[in-house]
Amino acid sequence: MNREKKSVTVFSQDLCARLMLKGHRLQGMAADRRYPERNVFFFRNDALVLADIAEIAQKNK
């Protein structure tokens, strides 16, 4: 049985802000299990979100 992930997990606050500036809605936020002082952000698992993440990663190289 193949289950599709419902959300994309983002660990970077900078990447989260850039995605939100591009118009993507934040689905949720939680404390990181490994580092409780940091936050983890969740976005919808969508082709546009994944494309924008790849674009931002390419620009940061």
N, C-alpha and C. Protein backbone atom coordinates (compact mmCIF):
# COMPACT_ATOMS: atom_id res chain seq x y z
N MET A 1 0.85 -1.18 0.00
CA MET A 1 0.00 0.00 0.00
C MET A 1 0.90 1.24 0.00
N ASN A 2 0.70 2.11 -0.94
CA ASN A 2 1.52 3.31 -1.09
C ASN A 2 0.78 4.51 -0.52
N ARG A 3 1.32 5.04 0.58
CA ARG A 3 0.70 6.22 1.19
C ARG A 3 1.46 7.46 0.79
N GLU A 4 0.73 8.48 0.41
CA GLU A 4 1.35 9.74 0.02
C GLU A 4 1.40 10.66 1.24
N LYS A 5 2.56 11.31 1.42
CA LYS A 5 2.70 12.24 2.54
C LYS A 5 1.77 13.43 2.32
N LYS A 6 1.15 13.87 3.39
CA LYS A 6 0.22 14.99 3.30
C LYS A 6 0.91 16.34 3.42
N SER A 7 2.11 16.33 4.01
CA SER A 7 2.79 17.61 4.19
C SER A 7 4.30 17.46 3.97
N VAL A 8 4.91 18.60 3.71
CA VAL A 8 6.35 18.70 3.55
C VAL A 8 6.89 19.35 4.83
N THR A 9 7.89 18.75 5.43
CA THR A 9 8.48 19.28 6.65
C THR A 9 9.64 20.19 6.30
N VAL A 10 9.63 21.39 6.87
CA VAL A 10 10.69 22.37 6.64
C VAL A 10 11.32 22.69 7.99
N PHE A 11 12.64 22.54 8.08
CA PHE A 11 13.35 22.78 9.33
C PHE A 11 13.97 24.17 9.40
N SER A 12 14.02 24.88 8.29
CA SER A 12 14.66 26.18 8.22
C SER A 12 13.62 27.30 8.31
N GLN A 13 13.81 28.21 9.25
CA GLN A 13 12.90 29.34 9.39
C GLN A 13 13.01 30.26 8.17
N ASP A 14 14.23 30.38 7.61
CA ASP A 14 14.43 31.21 6.43
C ASP A 14 13.67 30.64 5.23
N LEU A 15 13.77 29.34 5.03
CA LEU A 15 13.04 28.70 3.92
C LEU A 15 11.53 28.83 4.13
N CYS A 16 11.09 28.69 5.36
CA CYS A 16 9.67 28.85 5.68
C CYS A 16 9.20 30.25 5.30
N ALA A 17 9.98 31.27 5.66
CA ALA A 17 9.61 32.65 5.36
C ALA A 17 9.56 32.89 3.85
N ARG A 18 10.55 32.34 3.12
CA ARG A 18 10.58 32.52 1.67
C ARG A 18 9.38 31.86 1.00
N LEU A 19 8.99 30.69 1.48
CA LEU A 19 7.82 30.01 0.92
C LEU A 19 6.55 30.81 1.20
N MET A 20 6.45 31.37 2.40
CA MET A 20 5.27 32.16 2.73
C MET A 20 5.23 33.44 1.91
N LEU A 21 6.38 34.03 1.62
CA LEU A 21 6.42 35.23 0.78
C LEU A 21 5.99 34.90 -0.66
N LYS A 22 6.20 33.67 -1.08
CA LYS A 22 5.78 33.26 -2.42
C LYS A 22 4.28 32.91 -2.44
N GLY A 23 3.63 32.94 -1.28
CA GLY A 23 2.18 32.74 -1.24
C GLY A 23 1.72 31.38 -0.74
N HIS A 24 2.65 30.54 -0.27
CA HIS A 24 2.26 29.24 0.25
C HIS A 24 1.79 29.38 1.69
N ARG A 25 0.74 28.63 2.01
CA ARG A 25 0.17 28.71 3.36
C ARG A 25 0.83 27.69 4.28
N LEU A 26 1.13 28.13 5.47
CA LEU A 26 1.70 27.26 6.49
C LEU A 26 0.58 26.37 7.04
N GLN A 27 0.80 25.06 7.02
CA GLN A 27 -0.22 24.13 7.54
C GLN A 27 -0.11 23.95 9.04
N GLY A 28 1.11 24.00 9.53
CA GLY A 28 1.29 23.81 10.96
C GLY A 28 2.71 24.11 11.39
N MET A 29 2.88 24.14 12.71
CA MET A 29 4.18 24.42 13.28
C MET A 29 4.26 23.65 14.59
N ALA A 30 5.45 23.11 14.89
CA ALA A 30 5.62 22.36 16.14
C ALA A 30 7.08 22.51 16.59
N ALA A 31 7.32 22.18 17.84
CA ALA A 31 8.69 22.18 18.35
C ALA A 31 9.41 20.97 17.77
N ASP A 32 10.67 21.15 17.43
CA ASP A 32 11.50 20.06 16.92
C ASP A 32 11.73 19.06 18.06
N ARG A 33 11.60 17.77 17.76
CA ARG A 33 11.78 16.75 18.79
C ARG A 33 13.23 16.66 19.25
N ARG A 34 14.15 16.86 18.31
CA ARG A 34 15.56 16.74 18.64
C ARG A 34 16.09 17.98 19.35
N TYR A 35 15.68 19.15 18.88
CA TYR A 35 16.09 20.43 19.47
C TYR A 35 14.83 21.21 19.85
N PRO A 36 14.32 21.05 21.06
CA PRO A 36 13.04 21.66 21.45
C PRO A 36 12.99 23.18 21.35
N GLU A 37 14.16 23.84 21.33
CA GLU A 37 14.16 25.31 21.24
C GLU A 37 13.93 25.77 19.81
N ARG A 38 13.96 24.85 18.84
CA ARG A 38 13.73 25.18 17.43
C ARG A 38 12.33 24.75 17.00
N ASN A 39 11.87 25.32 15.90
CA ASN A 39 10.55 24.98 15.38
C ASN A 39 10.66 24.23 14.07
N VAL A 40 9.64 23.46 13.77
CA VAL A 40 9.51 22.72 12.52
C VAL A 40 8.23 23.23 11.85
N PHE A 41 8.27 23.42 10.53
CA PHE A 41 7.15 23.99 9.81
C PHE A 41 6.62 22.98 8.79
N PHE A 42 5.32 22.99 8.57
CA PHE A 42 4.70 22.05 7.66
C PHE A 42 3.93 22.79 6.57
N PHE A 43 4.17 22.37 5.32
CA PHE A 43 3.47 22.91 4.16
C PHE A 43 2.80 21.76 3.41
N ARG A 44 1.79 22.07 2.64
CA ARG A 44 1.08 21.06 1.86
C ARG A 44 2.03 20.39 0.87
N ASN A 45 1.93 19.09 0.75
CA ASN A 45 2.75 18.33 -0.20
C ASN A 45 2.18 18.55 -1.60
N ASP A 46 2.67 19.58 -2.25
CA ASP A 46 2.16 20.02 -3.53
C ASP A 46 3.33 20.21 -4.48
N ALA A 47 3.11 19.99 -5.75
CA ALA A 47 4.18 20.14 -6.74
C ALA A 47 4.72 21.57 -6.77
N LEU A 48 3.87 22.56 -6.54
CA LEU A 48 4.32 23.96 -6.54
C LEU A 48 5.23 24.26 -5.35
N VAL A 49 4.90 23.71 -4.20
CA VAL A 49 5.74 23.90 -3.02
C VAL A 49 7.10 23.25 -3.24
N LEU A 50 7.09 22.03 -3.74
CA LEU A 50 8.35 21.32 -3.98
C LEU A 50 9.19 22.03 -5.04
N ALA A 51 8.55 22.58 -6.07
CA ALA A 51 9.27 23.31 -7.11
C ALA A 51 9.89 24.58 -6.54
N ASP A 52 9.15 25.28 -5.69
CA ASP A 52 9.70 26.50 -5.08
C ASP A 52 10.84 26.20 -4.12
N ILE A 53 10.75 25.09 -3.40
CA ILE A 53 11.85 24.68 -2.52
C ILE A 53 13.10 24.40 -3.35
N ALA A 54 12.93 23.70 -4.46
CA ALA A 54 14.07 23.41 -5.34
C ALA A 54 14.65 24.69 -5.93
N GLU A 55 13.77 25.63 -6.30
CA GLU A 55 14.23 26.90 -6.86
C GLU A 55 15.02 27.70 -5.83
N ILE A 56 14.53 27.75 -4.60
CA ILE A 56 15.23 28.49 -3.55
C ILE A 56 16.56 27.82 -3.24
N ALA A 57 16.60 26.49 -3.21
CA ALA A 57 17.85 25.78 -2.95
C ALA A 57 18.85 26.03 -4.06
N GLN A 58 18.38 26.11 -5.29
CA GLN A 58 19.27 26.37 -6.42
C GLN A 58 19.87 27.78 -6.35
N LYS A 59 19.07 28.74 -5.93
CA LYS A 59 19.55 30.12 -5.81
C LYS A 59 20.57 30.28 -4.70
N ASN A 60 20.47 29.45 -3.65
CA ASN A 60 21.38 29.55 -2.50
C ASN A 60 22.70 28.86 -2.71
N LYS A 61 22.89 28.19 -3.83
CA LYS A 61 24.16 27.49 -4.08
C LYS A 61 25.27 28.46 -4.40
